[in-house]
Amino acid sequence: MNTRSKFVVLAFSGLAVLGLSSVAARAGIACSGDTCWHTHEAYDYPPDAHIIVHPDTWRWGPSEHFVYKEHPGRGYWEGGEWRAF
């Protein structure tokens, strides 16, 4: 394998790693009002649900008050109830 071939293989390997890492970056924290939950995929929430999706590293500030309520499956919290979709 010559130098040019090694460079091409290395470049494609690097792009593959970046591509796989972007899939993992889809996780986030979704919030409806003061209720938040972790998401594992990028969902399209209904516009009238008023869901805000934050990066997975998001933390609320010292004067903010949120609560985490986890739920399996695809959906969102609204008025204390889980709405599946």
C-alpha atoms as a PDB file:
ATOM      1  CA  MET A   1       0.000   0.000   0.000  1.00  0.00           C
ATOM      2  CA  ASN A   2       1.514   3.311  -1.025  1.00  0.00           C
ATOM      3  CA  THR A   3       1.345   6.596   0.892  1.00  0.00           C
ATOM      4  CA  ARG A   4      -1.560   7.962  -1.138  1.00  0.00           C
ATOM      5  CA  SER A   5      -3.667   4.845  -0.552  1.00  0.00           C
ATOM      6  CA  LYS A   6      -2.973   4.999   3.178  1.00  0.00           C
ATOM      7  CA  PHE A   7      -4.052   8.637   3.245  1.00  0.00           C
ATOM      8  CA  VAL A   8      -7.332   7.837   1.444  1.00  0.00           C
ATOM      9  CA  VAL A   9      -8.102   4.954   3.813  1.00  0.00           C
ATOM     10  CA  LEU A  10      -7.306   7.137   6.828  1.00  0.00           C
ATOM     11  CA  ALA A  11      -9.496   9.976   5.523  1.00  0.00           C
ATOM     12  CA  PHE A  12     -12.478   7.682   4.940  1.00  0.00           C
ATOM     13  CA  SER A  13     -11.993   6.109   8.369  1.00  0.00           C
ATOM     14  CA  GLY A  14     -12.075   9.538   9.958  1.00  0.00           C
ATOM     15  CA  LEU A  15     -15.243  10.472   8.095  1.00  0.00           C
ATOM     16  CA  ALA A  16     -16.880   7.219   9.198  1.00  0.00           C
ATOM     17  CA  VAL A  17     -16.079   7.963  12.843  1.00  0.00           C
ATOM     18  CA  LEU A  18     -17.520  11.476  12.514  1.00  0.00           C
ATOM     19  CA  GLY A  19     -20.635  10.100  10.873  1.00  0.00           C
ATOM     20  CA  LEU A  20     -21.218   7.602  13.664  1.00  0.00           C
ATOM     21  CA  SER A  21     -20.651  10.217  16.358  1.00  0.00           C
ATOM     22  CA  SER A  22     -23.286  12.502  14.820  1.00  0.00           C
ATOM     23  CA  VAL A  23     -25.884   9.743  15.238  1.00  0.00           C
ATOM     24  CA  ALA A  24     -25.181   9.633  18.970  1.00  0.00           C
ATOM     25  CA  ALA A  25     -25.530  13.422  19.164  1.00  0.00           C
ATOM     26  CA  ARG A  26     -29.252  13.178  18.451  1.00  0.00           C
ATOM     27  CA  ALA A  27     -29.963  12.446  22.098  1.00  0.00           C
ATOM     28  CA  GLY A  28     -31.249  15.397  24.018  1.00  0.00           C
ATOM     29  CA  ILE A  29     -33.454  16.726  26.774  1.00  0.00           C
ATOM     30  CA  ALA A  30     -36.996  17.659  25.807  1.00  0.00           C
ATOM     31  CA  CYS A  31     -39.076  19.945  28.004  1.00  0.00           C
ATOM     32  CA  SER A  32     -42.749  20.828  28.119  1.00  0.00           C
ATOM     33  CA  GLY A  33     -43.255  23.603  30.638  1.00  0.00           C
ATOM     34  CA  ASP A  34     -41.308  22.574  33.745  1.00  0.00           C
ATOM     35  CA  THR A  35     -41.315  18.839  32.900  1.00  0.00           C
ATOM     36  CA  CYS A  36     -38.303  17.386  31.077  1.00  0.00           C
ATOM     37  CA  TRP A  37     -37.316  13.938  29.820  1.00  0.00           C
ATOM     38  CA  HIS A  38     -34.441  12.392  27.892  1.00  0.00           C
ATOM     39  CA  THR A  39     -34.898  11.665  24.209  1.00  0.00           C
ATOM     40  CA  HIS A  40     -32.907   9.114  22.260  1.00  0.00           C
ATOM     41  CA  GLU A  41     -33.972  10.188  18.772  1.00  0.00           C
ATOM     42  CA  ALA A  42     -34.850  13.447  17.038  1.00  0.00           C
ATOM     43  CA  TYR A  43     -38.644  13.467  16.993  1.00  0.00           C
ATOM     44  CA  ASP A  44     -40.894  15.962  15.243  1.00  0.00           C
ATOM     45  CA  TYR A  45     -43.201  17.032  18.054  1.00  0.00           C
ATOM     46  CA  PRO A  46     -46.581  18.585  17.217  1.00  0.00           C
ATOM     47  CA  PRO A  47     -46.243  22.398  17.098  1.00  0.00           C
ATOM     48  CA  ASP A  48     -49.117  22.895  19.560  1.00  0.00           C
ATOM     49  CA  ALA A  49     -47.241  20.776  22.168  1.00  0.00           C
ATOM     50  CA  HIS A  50     -44.665  23.595  22.666  1.00  0.00           C
ATOM     51  CA  ILE A  51     -41.778  21.179  23.233  1.00  0.00           C
ATOM     52  CA  ILE A  52     -38.283  22.627  23.564  1.00  0.00           C
ATOM     53  CA  VAL A  53     -35.396  20.240  22.849  1.00  0.00           C
ATOM     54  CA  HIS A  54     -32.052  21.003  24.463  1.00  0.00           C
ATOM     55  CA  PRO A  55     -28.650  19.317  23.925  1.00  0.00           C
ATOM     56  CA  ASP A  56     -27.973  16.325  26.166  1.00  0.00           C
ATOM     57  CA  THR A  57     -25.499  18.423  28.181  1.00  0.00           C
ATOM     58  CA  TRP A  58     -28.112  21.104  29.039  1.00  0.00           C
ATOM     59  CA  ARG A  59     -28.657  21.946  32.705  1.00  0.00           C
ATOM     60  CA  TRP A  60     -31.118  24.426  34.115  1.00  0.00           C
ATOM     61  CA  GLY A  61     -29.976  27.475  36.015  1.00  0.00           C
ATOM     62  CA  PRO A  62     -29.997  27.959  39.790  1.00  0.00           C
ATOM     63  CA  SER A  63     -33.214  30.008  39.755  1.00  0.00           C
ATOM     64  CA  GLU A  64     -35.072  27.634  37.409  1.00  0.00           C
ATOM     65  CA  HIS A  65     -37.164  24.697  38.632  1.00  0.00           C
ATOM     66  CA  PHE A  66     -37.655  21.681  36.377  1.00  0.00           C
ATOM     67  CA  VAL A  67     -38.464  18.051  37.083  1.00  0.00           C
ATOM     68  CA  TYR A  68     -37.373  14.978  35.137  1.00  0.00           C
ATOM     69  CA  LYS A  69     -40.123  12.491  34.302  1.00  0.00           C
ATOM     70  CA  GLU A  70     -38.875   9.618  32.184  1.00  0.00           C
ATOM     71  CA  HIS A  71     -41.207   7.473  30.090  1.00  0.00           C
ATOM     72  CA  PRO A  72     -40.469   4.695  27.616  1.00  0.00           C
ATOM     73  CA  GLY A  73     -41.635   5.100  24.066  1.00  0.00           C
ATOM     74  CA  ARG A  74     -42.276   7.970  21.734  1.00  0.00           C
ATOM     75  CA  GLY A  75     -44.345  10.876  23.000  1.00  0.00           C
ATOM     76  CA  TYR A  76     -44.352  13.893  25.287  1.00  0.00           C
ATOM     77  CA  TRP A  77     -45.678  15.123  28.618  1.00  0.00           C
ATOM     78  CA  GLU A  78     -48.679  17.449  28.585  1.00  0.00           C
ATOM     79  CA  GLY A  79     -50.482  18.529  31.727  1.00  0.00           C
ATOM     80  CA  GLY A  80     -49.013  15.665  33.769  1.00  0.00           C
ATOM     81  CA  GLU A  81     -50.067  13.019  31.231  1.00  0.00           C
ATOM     82  CA  TRP A  82     -47.940  11.154  28.710  1.00  0.00           C
ATOM     83  CA  ARG A  83     -49.185  11.629  25.148  1.00  0.00           C
ATOM     84  CA  ALA A  84     -47.901   8.857  22.900  1.00  0.00           C
ATOM     85  CA  PHE A  85     -47.544   9.405  19.159  1.00  0.00           C
END
